[in-house]
Protein backbone atom coordinates (compact mmCIF):
# COMPACT_ATOMS: atom_id res chain seq x y z
CA UNK A 1 -40.10 -57.16 24.88
CA UNK A 2 -42.27 -54.53 22.99
CA UNK A 3 -40.77 -51.09 23.49
CA UNK A 4 -42.87 -48.72 25.41
CA UNK A 5 -43.86 -45.30 24.12
CA UNK A 6 -41.72 -43.70 26.83
CA UNK A 7 -38.78 -45.83 25.82
CA UNK A 8 -39.20 -44.74 22.17
CA UNK A 9 -39.42 -41.15 23.23
CA UNK A 10 -36.24 -41.43 25.32
CA UNK A 11 -34.34 -42.94 22.39
CA UNK A 12 -35.57 -40.17 20.04
CA UNK A 13 -34.57 -37.52 22.57
CA UNK A 14 -31.12 -39.05 22.93
CA UNK A 15 -30.65 -39.14 19.21
CA UNK A 16 -31.54 -35.42 18.91
CA UNK A 17 -29.21 -34.54 21.70
CA UNK A 18 -26.36 -36.49 20.10
CA UNK A 19 -26.90 -34.61 16.93
CA UNK A 20 -27.02 -31.28 18.74
CA UNK A 21 -23.88 -31.93 20.60
CA UNK A 22 -22.16 -33.08 17.52
CA UNK A 23 -23.10 -29.78 15.83
CA UNK A 24 -21.80 -27.80 18.67
CA UNK A 25 -18.60 -29.77 18.89
CA UNK A 26 -18.07 -29.12 15.22
CA UNK A 27 -18.98 -25.46 15.40
CA UNK A 28 -16.50 -25.11 18.28
CA UNK A 29 -13.66 -26.09 16.12
CA UNK A 30 -12.09 -22.88 14.91
CA UNK A 31 -12.03 -22.29 11.16
CA UNK A 32 -8.39 -22.08 9.98
CA UNK A 33 -7.36 -18.66 8.67
CA UNK A 34 -5.21 -17.91 5.49
CA UNK A 35 -4.01 -14.48 4.75
CA UNK A 36 -3.93 -12.94 1.21
CA UNK A 37 -1.32 -10.21 1.14
CA UNK A 38 -1.79 -8.31 -2.01
CA UNK A 39 -0.25 -5.16 -3.70
CA UNK A 40 -3.44 -3.35 -4.28
CA UNK A 41 -7.00 -5.00 -4.24
CA UNK A 42 -8.52 -1.91 -5.83
CA UNK A 43 -6.86 -2.91 -9.12
CA UNK A 44 -9.40 -5.25 -11.00
CA UNK A 45 -6.82 -7.89 -11.67
CA UNK A 46 -5.99 -8.31 -8.01
CA UNK A 47 -9.64 -8.05 -6.99
CA UNK A 48 -10.46 -10.94 -9.35
CA UNK A 49 -7.61 -12.95 -8.01
CA UNK A 50 -8.80 -12.31 -4.43
CA UNK A 51 -12.27 -13.62 -5.50
CA UNK A 52 -10.73 -16.84 -6.71
CA UNK A 53 -8.71 -17.28 -3.54
CA UNK A 54 -11.89 -16.68 -1.31
CA UNK A 55 -14.02 -18.96 -3.53
CA UNK A 56 -11.62 -21.69 -3.24
CA UNK A 57 -10.97 -21.01 0.54
CA UNK A 58 -14.61 -21.38 1.29
CA UNK A 59 -14.77 -24.66 -0.65
CA UNK A 60 -11.84 -25.97 1.55
CA UNK A 61 -13.26 -24.52 4.74
CA UNK A 62 -10.78 -21.67 5.23
CA UNK A 63 -11.46 -18.12 6.14
CA UNK A 64 -9.43 -15.70 4.09
CA UNK A 65 -8.10 -12.54 5.70
CA UNK A 66 -7.18 -10.01 2.75
CA UNK A 67 -4.58 -7.44 3.53
CA UNK A 68 -4.21 -4.83 0.72
CA UNK A 69 -1.09 -2.66 0.62
CA UNK A 70 -2.48 -0.13 -1.72
CA UNK A 71 0.76 -0.17 -3.63
CA UNK A 72 2.75 0.84 -0.52
CA UNK A 73 5.89 -1.10 0.47
CA UNK A 74 5.61 0.22 3.94
CA UNK A 75 1.95 -0.74 4.39
CA UNK A 76 2.87 -4.09 2.89
CA UNK A 77 5.26 -4.86 5.71
CA UNK A 78 2.84 -3.72 8.28
CA UNK A 79 0.13 -6.08 6.87
CA UNK A 80 2.75 -8.91 6.91
CA UNK A 81 3.38 -8.41 10.66
CA UNK A 82 -0.31 -8.04 11.33
CA UNK A 83 -1.09 -11.33 9.49
CA UNK A 84 1.76 -13.25 11.15
CA UNK A 85 0.59 -12.04 14.69
CA UNK A 86 -3.08 -13.02 13.89
CA UNK A 87 -1.98 -16.73 13.75
CA UNK A 88 -2.80 -17.60 10.12
CA UNK A 89 -2.05 -21.01 9.01
CA UNK A 90 -0.44 -19.86 5.74
CA UNK A 91 -0.08 -16.98 3.36
CA UNK A 92 -0.79 -16.33 -0.26
CA UNK A 93 1.37 -13.43 -1.54
CA UNK A 94 1.06 -11.15 -4.41
CA UNK A 95 3.77 -8.60 -3.59
CA UNK A 96 4.26 -5.01 -4.59
CA UNK A 97 7.47 -6.08 -6.21
CA UNK A 98 9.96 -8.99 -6.35
CA UNK A 99 12.48 -7.41 -4.18
CA UNK A 100 10.00 -6.62 -1.28
CA UNK A 101 8.86 -10.33 -1.69
CA UNK A 102 12.14 -11.49 -0.10
CA UNK A 103 11.69 -9.51 3.13
CA UNK A 104 8.19 -10.93 3.50
CA UNK A 105 9.38 -14.61 2.87
CA UNK A 106 11.97 -14.05 5.62
CA UNK A 107 9.43 -12.77 8.05
CA UNK A 108 7.05 -15.67 7.37
CA UNK A 109 9.90 -18.14 7.56
CA UNK A 110 10.86 -16.77 10.97
CA UNK A 111 7.30 -17.69 12.25
CA UNK A 112 7.20 -21.04 10.39
CA UNK A 113 4.34 -19.82 8.24
CA UNK A 114 4.34 -21.44 4.62
CA UNK A 115 3.87 -18.98 1.61
CA UNK A 116 2.48 -19.58 -1.87
CA UNK A 117 3.36 -16.82 -4.24
CA UNK A 118 0.59 -15.80 -6.56
CA UNK A 119 2.09 -13.87 -9.52
CA UNK A 120 4.72 -11.03 -9.52
CA UNK A 121 7.48 -13.43 -8.28
CA UNK A 122 10.36 -12.95 -5.88
CA UNK A 123 14.09 -12.26 -6.04
CA UNK A 124 14.89 -14.98 -3.50
CA UNK A 125 13.63 -16.53 -0.33
CA UNK A 126 12.00 -19.79 0.58
CA UNK A 127 8.28 -20.54 -0.44
CA UNK A 128 6.00 -23.49 -0.97
CA UNK A 129 5.10 -22.76 -4.68
CA UNK A 130 4.92 -19.90 -7.24
CA UNK A 131 1.81 -19.67 -9.16
CA UNK A 132 2.35 -17.43 -12.19
CA UNK A 133 1.26 -16.60 -15.73
CA UNK A 134 3.42 -17.34 -18.67
CA UNK A 135 4.17 -13.64 -19.14
CA UNK A 136 7.11 -14.21 -21.50
CA UNK A 137 5.14 -16.30 -24.16
CA UNK A 138 1.96 -14.22 -23.59
CA UNK A 139 3.62 -10.98 -24.42
CA UNK A 140 5.38 -12.70 -27.34
CA UNK A 141 2.04 -13.65 -28.77
CA UNK A 142 0.72 -10.19 -28.21
CA UNK A 143 3.73 -8.87 -30.03
CA UNK A 144 2.93 -11.05 -33.06
CA UNK A 145 -0.55 -9.78 -33.29
CA UNK A 146 0.63 -6.28 -33.31
CA UNK A 147 3.29 -7.07 -36.06
CA UNK A 148 0.47 -8.47 -38.17
CA UNK A 149 -1.57 -5.38 -37.66
CA UNK A 150 1.37 -3.21 -38.64
CA UNK A 151 1.83 -5.18 -41.85
CA UNK A 152 -1.85 -4.83 -42.69
CA UNK A 153 -1.71 -1.07 -42.13
CA UNK A 154 1.40 -0.72 -44.28
CA UNK A 155 2.95 2.02 -42.35
CA UNK A 156 6.46 3.10 -43.04
CA UNK A 157 8.78 1.76 -40.17
CA UNK A 158 6.07 2.05 -37.31
CA UNK A 159 7.18 1.97 -33.73
CA UNK A 160 5.41 1.08 -30.43
CA UNK A 161 5.61 2.93 -27.08
CA UNK A 162 5.43 0.79 -23.88
CA UNK A 163 3.88 1.90 -20.70
CA UNK A 164 5.12 -0.62 -18.43
CA UNK A 165 4.49 -2.04 -15.01
CA UNK A 166 7.56 -1.68 -12.78
CA UNK A 167 10.63 -3.57 -14.12
CA UNK A 168 11.65 -4.41 -10.62
CA UNK A 169 8.87 -7.06 -10.96
CA UNK A 170 9.82 -10.38 -12.43
CA UNK A 171 6.60 -10.50 -14.47
CA UNK A 172 7.26 -7.03 -15.83
CA UNK A 173 10.72 -8.04 -17.07
CA UNK A 174 9.14 -10.93 -18.65
CA UNK A 175 6.53 -9.11 -20.52
CA UNK A 176 8.92 -6.59 -21.92
CA UNK A 177 11.32 -9.21 -22.89
CA UNK A 178 8.70 -11.44 -24.76
CA UNK A 179 7.14 -8.58 -26.61
CA UNK A 180 10.40 -6.90 -27.70
CA UNK A 181 11.48 -10.34 -29.01
CA UNK A 182 8.33 -10.59 -31.22
CA UNK A 183 8.84 -6.96 -32.50
CA UNK A 184 12.67 -7.69 -33.29
CA UNK A 185 11.60 -10.95 -35.16
CA UNK A 186 9.10 -8.96 -37.21
CA UNK A 187 11.61 -6.10 -37.90
CA UNK A 188 9.74 -3.43 -35.80
CA UNK A 189 10.93 -1.76 -32.78
CA UNK A 190 10.11 -0.03 -29.51
CA UNK A 191 10.42 3.81 -29.50
CA UNK A 192 10.30 4.34 -25.77
CA UNK A 193 9.28 2.70 -22.46
CA UNK A 194 7.90 4.43 -19.35
CA UNK A 195 7.45 2.62 -15.97
CA UNK A 196 4.27 3.12 -13.97
CA UNK A 197 4.67 4.08 -10.36
CA UNK A 198 1.30 5.38 -9.20
CA UNK A 199 -0.76 3.46 -11.64
CA UNK A 200 -3.07 6.65 -11.96
CA UNK A 201 -4.98 8.00 -15.00
CA UNK A 202 -2.82 11.16 -14.80
CA UNK A 203 0.36 9.14 -14.82
CA UNK A 204 -0.76 6.99 -17.71
CA UNK A 205 -2.01 9.88 -19.76
CA UNK A 206 1.06 11.81 -19.21
CA UNK A 207 3.20 8.90 -20.36
CA UNK A 208 1.10 8.33 -23.42
CA UNK A 209 1.15 12.10 -24.42
CA UNK A 210 5.07 12.03 -23.98
CA UNK A 211 5.52 8.94 -26.18
CA UNK A 212 3.28 10.37 -28.84
CA UNK A 213 4.93 13.83 -28.93
CA UNK A 214 8.49 12.51 -28.86
CA UNK A 215 8.02 9.94 -31.62
CA UNK A 216 6.48 10.84 -34.96
CA UNK A 217 6.40 7.37 -36.28
CA UNK A 218 4.70 5.99 -33.07
CA UNK A 219 1.78 3.85 -34.36
CA UNK A 220 0.85 1.71 -31.22
CA UNK A 221 0.78 2.04 -27.46
CA UNK A 222 1.14 -1.15 -25.35
CA UNK A 223 0.00 -0.92 -21.76
CA UNK A 224 1.36 -3.56 -19.58
CA UNK A 225 -1.86 -3.32 -17.46
CA UNK A 226 -5.50 -2.97 -18.22
CA UNK A 227 -7.29 -0.60 -15.81
CA UNK A 228 -5.91 2.71 -17.26
CA UNK A 229 -6.68 2.05 -20.87
CA UNK A 230 -9.00 5.05 -20.95
CA UNK A 231 -6.07 7.43 -20.33
CA UNK A 232 -4.25 6.13 -23.29
CA UNK A 233 -7.31 6.51 -25.59
CA UNK A 234 -7.81 10.02 -24.31
CA UNK A 235 -4.22 10.68 -25.07
CA UNK A 236 -4.61 9.44 -28.61
CA UNK A 237 -7.79 11.39 -29.23
CA UNK A 238 -6.43 14.62 -27.74
CA UNK A 239 -3.44 14.20 -30.05
CA UNK A 240 -5.79 13.78 -33.09
CA UNK A 241 -4.24 10.39 -33.76
CA UNK A 242 -7.38 8.32 -33.92
CA UNK A 243 -6.92 5.43 -36.50
CA UNK A 244 -3.05 6.29 -36.48
CA UNK A 245 -2.18 4.81 -33.16
CA UNK A 246 -3.26 1.32 -32.16
CA UNK A 247 -3.84 0.30 -28.61
CA UNK A 248 -3.08 -3.08 -27.03
CA UNK A 249 -3.13 -3.99 -23.37
CA UNK A 250 -2.12 -6.77 -20.83
CA UNK A 251 -4.83 -8.24 -18.64
CA UNK A 252 -8.45 -7.49 -19.15
CA UNK A 253 -11.54 -5.38 -18.24
CA UNK A 254 -15.14 -6.49 -19.07
CA UNK A 255 -15.44 -3.65 -21.53
CA UNK A 256 -12.46 -5.20 -23.54
CA UNK A 257 -14.74 -7.76 -25.22
CA UNK A 258 -16.87 -5.01 -27.06
CA UNK A 259 -13.56 -2.98 -27.67
CA UNK A 260 -12.06 -5.89 -29.37
CA UNK A 261 -15.07 -6.56 -31.50
CA UNK A 262 -15.21 -2.84 -32.48
CA UNK A 263 -11.42 -2.65 -33.26
CA UNK A 264 -10.80 -0.09 -30.58
CA UNK A 265 -8.38 -2.54 -29.09
CA UNK A 266 -6.17 -4.57 -31.27
CA UNK A 267 -5.34 -7.28 -28.76
CA UNK A 268 -5.16 -8.07 -24.98
CA UNK A 269 -3.01 -10.50 -23.34
CA UNK A 270 -5.36 -11.80 -20.80
CA UNK A 271 -3.91 -13.63 -17.60
CA UNK A 272 -6.39 -15.87 -15.72
CA UNK A 273 -6.36 -14.37 -12.32
CA UNK A 274 -9.53 -16.12 -10.90
CA UNK A 275 -7.80 -19.59 -11.83
CA UNK A 276 -4.49 -18.37 -10.44
CA UNK A 277 -6.28 -17.57 -7.12
CA UNK A 278 -8.09 -20.96 -7.08
CA UNK A 279 -4.78 -22.92 -7.66
CA UNK A 280 -2.75 -20.92 -5.22
CA UNK A 281 -5.37 -21.63 -2.38
CA UNK A 282 -5.51 -25.32 -3.43
CA UNK A 283 -1.78 -25.58 -3.39
CA UNK A 284 -1.34 -24.04 0.09
CA UNK A 285 -4.14 -26.49 1.35
CA UNK A 286 -2.22 -29.49 -0.15
CA UNK A 287 1.04 -28.49 1.44
CA UNK A 288 -0.81 -27.96 4.90
CA UNK A 289 -2.33 -31.34 4.71
CA UNK A 290 0.92 -33.06 3.89
CA UNK A 291 0.42 -33.58 0.14
CA UNK A 292 3.17 -33.04 -2.44
CA UNK A 293 2.97 -29.77 -4.39
CA UNK A 294 4.78 -28.41 -7.47
CA UNK A 295 7.33 -25.72 -6.88
CA UNK A 296 6.24 -23.71 -9.96
CA UNK A 297 3.01 -23.76 -11.80
CA UNK A 298 2.74 -21.47 -14.86
CA UNK A 299 -0.61 -20.79 -16.54
CA UNK A 300 -1.06 -19.66 -20.20
CA UNK A 301 -1.87 -16.08 -21.09
CA UNK A 302 -4.68 -15.73 -23.66
CA UNK A 303 -3.69 -13.62 -26.49
CA UNK A 304 -7.02 -12.31 -27.41
CA UNK A 305 -7.77 -10.49 -30.77
CA UNK A 306 -10.93 -9.54 -32.78
CA UNK A 307 -10.35 -12.89 -34.58
CA UNK A 308 -10.40 -15.18 -31.55
CA UNK A 309 -12.52 -13.40 -28.92
CA UNK A 310 -15.70 -15.34 -29.41
CA UNK A 311 -13.88 -18.67 -29.38
CA UNK A 312 -12.26 -17.91 -26.09
CA UNK A 313 -15.26 -16.30 -24.31
CA UNK A 314 -15.97 -19.25 -21.97
CA UNK A 315 -12.48 -18.98 -20.63
CA UNK A 316 -12.46 -15.18 -20.56
CA UNK A 317 -15.76 -15.10 -18.65
CA UNK A 318 -14.65 -17.51 -15.92
CA UNK A 319 -10.82 -17.61 -15.54
CA UNK A 320 -10.08 -14.11 -16.67
CA UNK A 321 -13.08 -12.11 -15.36
CA UNK A 322 -14.45 -14.40 -12.67
CA UNK A 323 -17.74 -14.49 -14.18
CA UNK A 324 -19.88 -17.64 -14.42
CA UNK A 325 -18.02 -19.10 -11.46
CA UNK A 326 -20.74 -19.65 -9.03
CA UNK A 327 -20.26 -16.44 -7.24
């Protein structure tokens, strides 16, 4: 029998309705939520990591709820409770410090919510996986670059002052240990260490001035972070020590590229936060879908100097700064 026009129209209408209902059914399925609990998303490093988490979350069809503690332990616990009460499927955690992480992991475990830790680390507790940077070896490589610069300058027994992130953090302890090991190997020493608490310009400037005034042979300042580099530069300038005190940092800012090329910055130990965020999200997804995951994943820190900055530029743009990443 030859199909009539009415039959053909009915079949076409049925096909359209099936497609519409399929779309409605798919849209009705709630998009699973993951939570990102972060110490302070205002800090560029954490903001870039957040973007890596969100980017990979979108690719895997997750909505990412971001909870920034603004470096407050109290707010961090409040955020944890909010996230757990919201019914998230899993948590990615970048805690304010490693001791606080233990409490957060206990709260998540009580609600059977899996946690992947992205940097900082924890002093205990149960978690799915720990995605980190190789802070120990990264800081050691940074120390070797400084030692080479000291030898080139020919200064008499030069010392370095350290403005550190909190040493309660596992990553902070690793940075200090790796860097001091490189200094000791080269026959140089640290002349003082200050721990950041507020991470403000004023705090960093004050610490830099103290280290400069207290140590006549101080010829380098090492910041274990990146965003307050201007405070250190201002302290050097206000002390009339330009050319006498070198600056090196951990992590990265976009302007570091030009600063390295100009010699304003001797070296930067660049973590890869965008990549850490991507891997943390993918690891949590794999766990939620029943796939095996590694308990610990450590990514290399790029020890960037004026000599290798151009060679490392593709990795710096994407994995470090989150540029050229389809965002």
